[in-house]
């Protein structure tokens, strides 16, 4: 068995596509039309996991309620310093600035995507 993807609903597909492709180097690998929505599949650089962005024809003006069950996505970054530069150059900000989780140089940080989904960034220097 293999984990394939996670689906999230988005309010502004252009903003979401720009966010995930710019910051995380994800590539759009498929776009599919259903009866009432478009599905955009984005894959990571190693093609090991995907995010499905669902853009419904009728989207609430205020966007979607994330709820209290969802926590966050997590992405590995090779260099928190390089990611921070890319983040700022792209006009985004941290929700929680990078900090050393283990006391051994393993940094984590959090950002939010355009729809408010939290994303953890992990730079594993040492565990």
N, C-alpha and C. Protein backbone atom coordinates (compact mmCIF):
# COMPACT_ATOMS: atom_id res chain seq x y z
N UNK A 1 0.84 -1.17 0.00
CA UNK A 1 0.00 0.00 0.00
C UNK A 1 0.89 1.24 0.00
N UNK A 2 0.43 2.28 -0.66
CA UNK A 2 1.22 3.51 -0.79
C UNK A 2 0.31 4.71 -0.57
N UNK A 3 0.77 5.66 0.24
CA UNK A 3 0.06 6.92 0.43
C UNK A 3 0.20 7.75 -0.83
N UNK A 4 -0.92 8.27 -1.37
CA UNK A 4 -0.87 8.98 -2.64
C UNK A 4 -0.93 10.49 -2.52
N UNK A 5 -1.98 11.01 -1.86
CA UNK A 5 -2.10 12.47 -1.80
C UNK A 5 -3.02 12.91 -0.67
N UNK A 6 -2.97 14.20 -0.41
CA UNK A 6 -3.90 14.87 0.50
C UNK A 6 -4.63 15.91 -0.31
N UNK A 7 -5.95 16.03 -0.09
CA UNK A 7 -6.75 17.02 -0.82
C UNK A 7 -7.13 18.15 0.11
N UNK A 8 -7.00 19.38 -0.39
CA UNK A 8 -7.50 20.55 0.32
C UNK A 8 -8.30 21.40 -0.66
N UNK A 9 -9.32 22.06 -0.15
CA UNK A 9 -10.10 22.98 -0.97
C UNK A 9 -9.48 24.36 -0.88
N UNK A 10 -9.42 25.06 -2.00
CA UNK A 10 -8.79 26.38 -2.03
C UNK A 10 -9.74 27.41 -2.62
N UNK A 11 -9.59 28.64 -2.18
CA UNK A 11 -10.46 29.73 -2.63
C UNK A 11 -9.94 30.37 -3.91
N UNK A 12 -8.63 30.56 -4.00
CA UNK A 12 -8.00 31.23 -5.14
C UNK A 12 -6.94 30.29 -5.71
N UNK A 13 -7.27 29.61 -6.79
CA UNK A 13 -6.36 28.59 -7.32
C UNK A 13 -5.04 29.17 -7.78
N UNK A 14 -5.05 30.36 -8.36
CA UNK A 14 -3.79 30.96 -8.82
C UNK A 14 -2.84 31.24 -7.66
N UNK A 15 -3.37 31.78 -6.55
CA UNK A 15 -2.53 32.04 -5.37
C UNK A 15 -1.99 30.75 -4.79
N UNK A 16 -2.82 29.73 -4.73
CA UNK A 16 -2.38 28.45 -4.17
C UNK A 16 -1.33 27.78 -5.05
N UNK A 17 -1.55 27.78 -6.36
CA UNK A 17 -0.57 27.20 -7.27
C UNK A 17 0.77 27.92 -7.16
N UNK A 18 0.73 29.25 -7.14
CA UNK A 18 1.96 30.05 -7.02
C UNK A 18 2.68 29.73 -5.70
N UNK A 19 1.94 29.64 -4.61
CA UNK A 19 2.51 29.36 -3.30
C UNK A 19 3.26 28.02 -3.29
N UNK A 20 2.59 26.95 -3.69
CA UNK A 20 3.19 25.62 -3.61
C UNK A 20 4.29 25.39 -4.65
N UNK A 21 4.14 25.97 -5.83
CA UNK A 21 5.18 25.76 -6.85
C UNK A 21 6.40 26.64 -6.58
N UNK A 22 6.20 27.85 -6.08
CA UNK A 22 7.31 28.76 -5.82
C UNK A 22 8.10 28.35 -4.58
N UNK A 23 7.41 28.15 -3.47
CA UNK A 23 8.12 27.88 -2.22
C UNK A 23 8.60 26.45 -2.07
N UNK A 24 7.86 25.49 -2.62
CA UNK A 24 8.19 24.09 -2.39
C UNK A 24 8.61 23.34 -3.65
N UNK A 25 8.78 24.07 -4.74
CA UNK A 25 9.22 23.46 -6.00
C UNK A 25 8.32 22.32 -6.45
N UNK A 26 7.06 22.36 -6.05
CA UNK A 26 6.13 21.32 -6.49
C UNK A 26 5.76 21.59 -7.94
N UNK A 27 5.47 20.54 -8.65
CA UNK A 27 5.11 20.62 -10.06
C UNK A 27 3.68 20.14 -10.25
N UNK A 28 2.94 20.86 -11.09
CA UNK A 28 1.60 20.40 -11.42
C UNK A 28 1.74 19.22 -12.38
N UNK A 29 1.20 18.07 -11.97
CA UNK A 29 1.34 16.87 -12.79
C UNK A 29 0.04 16.44 -13.44
N UNK A 30 -1.07 17.02 -12.97
CA UNK A 30 -2.35 16.69 -13.57
C UNK A 30 -3.37 17.77 -13.23
N UNK A 31 -4.30 17.96 -14.14
CA UNK A 31 -5.44 18.85 -13.93
C UNK A 31 -6.64 18.11 -14.49
N UNK A 32 -7.67 17.97 -13.66
CA UNK A 32 -8.82 17.17 -14.06
C UNK A 32 -10.12 17.91 -13.74
N UNK A 33 -11.04 17.89 -14.67
CA UNK A 33 -12.34 18.52 -14.47
C UNK A 33 -13.35 17.48 -13.99
N UNK A 34 -14.04 17.78 -12.90
CA UNK A 34 -15.18 17.00 -12.45
C UNK A 34 -16.44 17.83 -12.71
N UNK A 35 -17.56 17.32 -12.32
CA UNK A 35 -18.83 17.99 -12.60
C UNK A 35 -18.90 19.40 -12.01
N UNK A 36 -18.37 19.57 -10.81
CA UNK A 36 -18.53 20.85 -10.12
C UNK A 36 -17.22 21.50 -9.66
N UNK A 37 -16.09 21.00 -10.15
CA UNK A 37 -14.81 21.54 -9.68
C UNK A 37 -13.66 21.14 -10.60
N UNK A 38 -12.53 21.81 -10.37
CA UNK A 38 -11.27 21.44 -11.00
C UNK A 38 -10.37 20.84 -9.93
N UNK A 39 -9.62 19.81 -10.29
CA UNK A 39 -8.64 19.19 -9.40
C UNK A 39 -7.25 19.44 -9.98
N UNK A 40 -6.36 19.96 -9.15
CA UNK A 40 -4.98 20.23 -9.55
C UNK A 40 -4.09 19.35 -8.67
N UNK A 41 -3.31 18.47 -9.28
CA UNK A 41 -2.42 17.60 -8.54
C UNK A 41 -1.01 18.13 -8.64
N UNK A 42 -0.39 18.37 -7.48
CA UNK A 42 0.98 18.86 -7.41
C UNK A 42 1.84 17.78 -6.77
N UNK A 43 3.01 17.54 -7.35
CA UNK A 43 3.90 16.51 -6.84
C UNK A 43 5.19 17.13 -6.32
N UNK A 44 5.77 16.48 -5.31
CA UNK A 44 7.05 16.94 -4.79
C UNK A 44 8.17 16.62 -5.78
N UNK A 45 9.37 17.10 -5.50
CA UNK A 45 10.49 16.94 -6.43
C UNK A 45 10.85 15.47 -6.68
N UNK A 46 10.66 14.62 -5.68
CA UNK A 46 11.00 13.20 -5.81
C UNK A 46 9.83 12.36 -6.30
N UNK A 47 8.68 13.02 -6.55
CA UNK A 47 7.48 12.33 -7.00
C UNK A 47 7.05 11.23 -6.03
N UNK A 48 7.16 11.53 -4.73
CA UNK A 48 6.79 10.55 -3.72
C UNK A 48 5.44 10.85 -3.07
N UNK A 49 4.98 12.11 -3.18
CA UNK A 49 3.74 12.49 -2.53
C UNK A 49 3.11 13.65 -3.29
N UNK A 50 1.79 13.75 -3.21
CA UNK A 50 1.09 14.81 -3.92
C UNK A 50 0.10 15.53 -3.02
N UNK A 51 -0.17 16.78 -3.40
CA UNK A 51 -1.26 17.55 -2.82
C UNK A 51 -2.27 17.78 -3.94
N UNK A 52 -3.53 17.52 -3.64
CA UNK A 52 -4.60 17.79 -4.60
C UNK A 52 -5.29 19.08 -4.15
N UNK A 53 -5.20 20.10 -4.99
CA UNK A 53 -5.88 21.36 -4.73
C UNK A 53 -7.22 21.30 -5.45
N UNK A 54 -8.32 21.38 -4.71
CA UNK A 54 -9.65 21.33 -5.30
C UNK A 54 -10.21 22.75 -5.35
N UNK A 55 -10.56 23.16 -6.56
CA UNK A 55 -11.11 24.49 -6.78
C UNK A 55 -12.55 24.31 -7.25
N UNK A 56 -13.50 24.50 -6.33
CA UNK A 56 -14.92 24.30 -6.63
C UNK A 56 -15.48 25.46 -7.43
N UNK A 57 -16.46 25.16 -8.30
CA UNK A 57 -17.12 26.20 -9.08
C UNK A 57 -17.80 27.22 -8.17
N UNK A 58 -18.39 26.74 -7.09
CA UNK A 58 -19.04 27.62 -6.12
C UNK A 58 -18.22 27.61 -4.85
N UNK A 59 -17.41 28.64 -4.69
CA UNK A 59 -16.53 28.76 -3.54
C UNK A 59 -17.06 29.84 -2.60
N UNK A 60 -17.14 29.57 -1.31
CA UNK A 60 -17.61 30.60 -0.37
C UNK A 60 -16.73 31.85 -0.44
N UNK A 61 -17.34 33.02 -0.40
CA UNK A 61 -16.59 34.28 -0.45
C UNK A 61 -15.52 34.35 0.63
N UNK A 62 -15.83 33.83 1.81
CA UNK A 62 -14.89 33.89 2.93
C UNK A 62 -13.90 32.73 2.93
N UNK A 63 -13.97 31.85 1.95
CA UNK A 63 -13.09 30.68 1.90
C UNK A 63 -13.68 29.53 2.70
N UNK A 64 -12.85 28.57 3.04
CA UNK A 64 -13.30 27.35 3.71
C UNK A 64 -12.92 27.36 5.18
N UNK A 65 -13.71 26.68 5.99
CA UNK A 65 -13.40 26.47 7.40
C UNK A 65 -12.41 25.31 7.50
N UNK A 66 -11.28 25.54 8.11
CA UNK A 66 -10.28 24.48 8.23
C UNK A 66 -10.69 23.48 9.29
N UNK A 67 -11.38 23.91 10.32
CA UNK A 67 -11.84 23.00 11.36
C UNK A 67 -10.80 22.80 12.45
N UNK A 68 -11.14 21.99 13.41
CA UNK A 68 -10.22 21.79 14.54
C UNK A 68 -9.57 20.42 14.53
N UNK A 69 -9.77 19.65 13.47
CA UNK A 69 -9.15 18.33 13.38
C UNK A 69 -7.85 18.34 12.60
N UNK A 70 -7.74 19.24 11.65
CA UNK A 70 -6.53 19.31 10.82
C UNK A 70 -5.42 19.99 11.59
N UNK A 71 -4.21 19.47 11.49
CA UNK A 71 -3.06 20.07 12.15
C UNK A 71 -2.22 20.86 11.19
N UNK A 72 -1.41 20.16 10.40
CA UNK A 72 -0.53 20.84 9.44
C UNK A 72 0.06 19.84 8.46
N UNK A 73 0.60 20.38 7.36
CA UNK A 73 1.47 19.62 6.46
C UNK A 73 2.88 19.80 6.99
N UNK A 74 3.79 18.94 6.60
CA UNK A 74 5.20 19.12 6.95
C UNK A 74 6.05 18.90 5.70
N UNK A 75 6.99 19.81 5.51
CA UNK A 75 7.94 19.73 4.40
C UNK A 75 9.36 19.77 4.95
N UNK A 76 10.22 18.92 4.42
CA UNK A 76 11.65 18.97 4.74
C UNK A 76 12.29 20.07 3.90
N UNK A 77 13.11 20.89 4.51
CA UNK A 77 13.88 21.88 3.77
C UNK A 77 15.35 21.57 3.99
N UNK A 78 16.15 21.71 2.94
CA UNK A 78 17.58 21.43 3.06
C UNK A 78 18.29 22.51 3.85
N UNK A 79 17.86 23.76 3.67
CA UNK A 79 18.48 24.88 4.36
C UNK A 79 17.40 25.87 4.78
N UNK A 80 17.24 26.05 6.08
CA UNK A 80 16.25 27.00 6.57
C UNK A 80 16.62 28.42 6.14
N UNK A 81 17.91 28.69 6.09
CA UNK A 81 18.38 30.01 5.67
C UNK A 81 17.98 30.30 4.21
N UNK A 82 18.19 29.34 3.33
CA UNK A 82 17.81 29.52 1.93
C UNK A 82 16.30 29.61 1.78
N UNK A 83 15.56 28.79 2.54
CA UNK A 83 14.11 28.85 2.47
C UNK A 83 13.60 30.21 2.95
N UNK A 84 14.20 30.73 4.01
CA UNK A 84 13.81 32.04 4.54
C UNK A 84 13.99 33.12 3.48
N UNK A 85 15.09 33.07 2.75
CA UNK A 85 15.32 34.04 1.67
C UNK A 85 14.24 33.93 0.60
N UNK A 86 13.95 32.71 0.19
CA UNK A 86 12.93 32.48 -0.83
C UNK A 86 11.56 32.94 -0.34
N UNK A 87 11.25 32.66 0.93
CA UNK A 87 9.98 33.06 1.52
C UNK A 87 9.80 34.57 1.47
N UNK A 88 10.82 35.29 1.90
CA UNK A 88 10.74 36.76 1.95
C UNK A 88 10.73 37.36 0.54
N UNK A 89 11.54 36.81 -0.37
CA UNK A 89 11.56 37.29 -1.76
C UNK A 89 10.20 37.09 -2.43
N UNK A 90 9.47 36.06 -2.02
CA UNK A 90 8.16 35.75 -2.60
C UNK A 90 7.03 36.52 -1.93
N UNK A 91 7.35 37.29 -0.90
CA UNK A 91 6.34 38.12 -0.24
C UNK A 91 5.55 37.41 0.85
N UNK A 92 6.04 36.29 1.34
CA UNK A 92 5.36 35.56 2.41
C UNK A 92 6.10 35.76 3.72
N UNK A 93 5.43 35.43 4.83
CA UNK A 93 6.01 35.58 6.16
C UNK A 93 5.83 34.31 6.97
N UNK A 94 6.66 34.18 8.00
CA UNK A 94 6.52 33.07 8.93
C UNK A 94 5.35 33.29 9.88
N UNK A 95 4.68 32.21 10.22
CA UNK A 95 3.72 32.21 11.31
C UNK A 95 4.52 32.12 12.62
N UNK A 96 5.47 31.17 12.64
CA UNK A 96 6.42 31.00 13.74
C UNK A 96 7.80 30.94 13.13
N UNK A 97 8.65 31.87 13.51
CA UNK A 97 10.02 31.95 13.00
C UNK A 97 10.79 30.66 13.30
N UNK A 98 11.83 30.35 12.52
CA UNK A 98 12.62 29.14 12.77
C UNK A 98 13.20 29.12 14.18
N UNK A 99 13.19 27.93 14.77
CA UNK A 99 13.81 27.74 16.08
C UNK A 99 14.38 26.34 16.16
N UNK A 100 15.36 26.16 17.04
CA UNK A 100 16.05 24.89 17.22
C UNK A 100 15.20 23.98 18.10
N UNK A 101 14.68 22.92 17.53
CA UNK A 101 13.78 22.02 18.22
C UNK A 101 14.49 21.10 19.21
N UNK A 102 15.66 20.61 18.85
CA UNK A 102 16.31 19.57 19.64
C UNK A 102 17.50 20.07 20.45
N UNK A 103 17.93 21.29 20.21
CA UNK A 103 19.14 21.76 20.87
C UNK A 103 20.39 21.29 20.14
N UNK A 104 20.20 20.61 19.01
CA UNK A 104 21.33 20.09 18.23
C UNK A 104 21.34 20.66 16.82
N UNK A 105 20.59 21.73 16.60
CA UNK A 105 20.61 22.37 15.29
C UNK A 105 19.50 21.96 14.35
N UNK A 106 18.54 21.16 14.80
CA UNK A 106 17.41 20.78 13.95
C UNK A 106 16.34 21.86 14.07
N UNK A 107 16.18 22.64 13.02
CA UNK A 107 15.28 23.78 13.05
C UNK A 107 13.91 23.45 12.49
N UNK A 108 12.89 24.07 13.09
CA UNK A 108 11.54 23.99 12.53
C UNK A 108 10.96 25.41 12.49
N UNK A 109 9.97 25.59 11.64
CA UNK A 109 9.25 26.86 11.53
C UNK A 109 7.88 26.54 10.98
N UNK A 110 6.99 27.52 11.02
CA UNK A 110 5.64 27.34 10.49
C UNK A 110 5.26 28.54 9.63
N UNK A 111 4.54 28.25 8.55
CA UNK A 111 3.94 29.27 7.71
C UNK A 111 2.50 28.86 7.45
N UNK A 112 1.73 29.76 6.85
CA UNK A 112 0.37 29.42 6.41
C UNK A 112 0.29 29.63 4.91
N UNK A 113 -0.47 28.76 4.24
CA UNK A 113 -0.68 28.94 2.81
C UNK A 113 -1.78 29.99 2.61
N UNK A 114 -2.10 30.36 1.36
CA UNK A 114 -3.09 31.41 1.13
C UNK A 114 -4.47 31.14 1.73
N UNK A 115 -4.81 29.87 1.99
CA UNK A 115 -6.11 29.54 2.57
C UNK A 115 -6.05 29.32 4.08
N UNK A 116 -4.88 29.51 4.66
CA UNK A 116 -4.75 29.39 6.11
C UNK A 116 -4.32 28.02 6.61
N UNK A 117 -4.02 27.09 5.71
CA UNK A 117 -3.52 25.78 6.13
C UNK A 117 -2.09 25.95 6.66
N UNK A 118 -1.82 25.39 7.85
CA UNK A 118 -0.48 25.52 8.42
C UNK A 118 0.47 24.50 7.81
N UNK A 119 1.71 24.95 7.66
CA UNK A 119 2.77 24.11 7.09
C UNK A 119 3.98 24.19 8.00
N UNK A 120 4.44 23.03 8.45
CA UNK A 120 5.66 22.96 9.24
C UNK A 120 6.83 22.74 8.31
N UNK A 121 7.91 23.45 8.56
CA UNK A 121 9.16 23.31 7.80
C UNK A 121 10.17 22.69 8.74
N UNK A 122 10.86 21.66 8.28
CA UNK A 122 11.80 20.94 9.12
C UNK A 122 13.15 20.86 8.42
N UNK A 123 14.14 21.37 9.10
CA UNK A 123 15.53 21.24 8.65
C UNK A 123 16.21 20.33 9.66
N UNK A 124 16.38 19.07 9.29
CA UNK A 124 16.95 18.09 10.21
C UNK A 124 18.47 18.09 10.05
N UNK A 125 19.12 18.74 10.97
CA UNK A 125 20.57 18.75 10.96
C UNK A 125 21.07 17.49 11.63
N UNK A 126 20.42 17.13 12.75
CA UNK A 126 20.85 15.99 13.53
C UNK A 126 19.71 15.57 14.46
N UNK A 127 19.51 14.28 14.65
CA UNK A 127 18.52 13.81 15.61
C UNK A 127 19.16 12.92 16.62
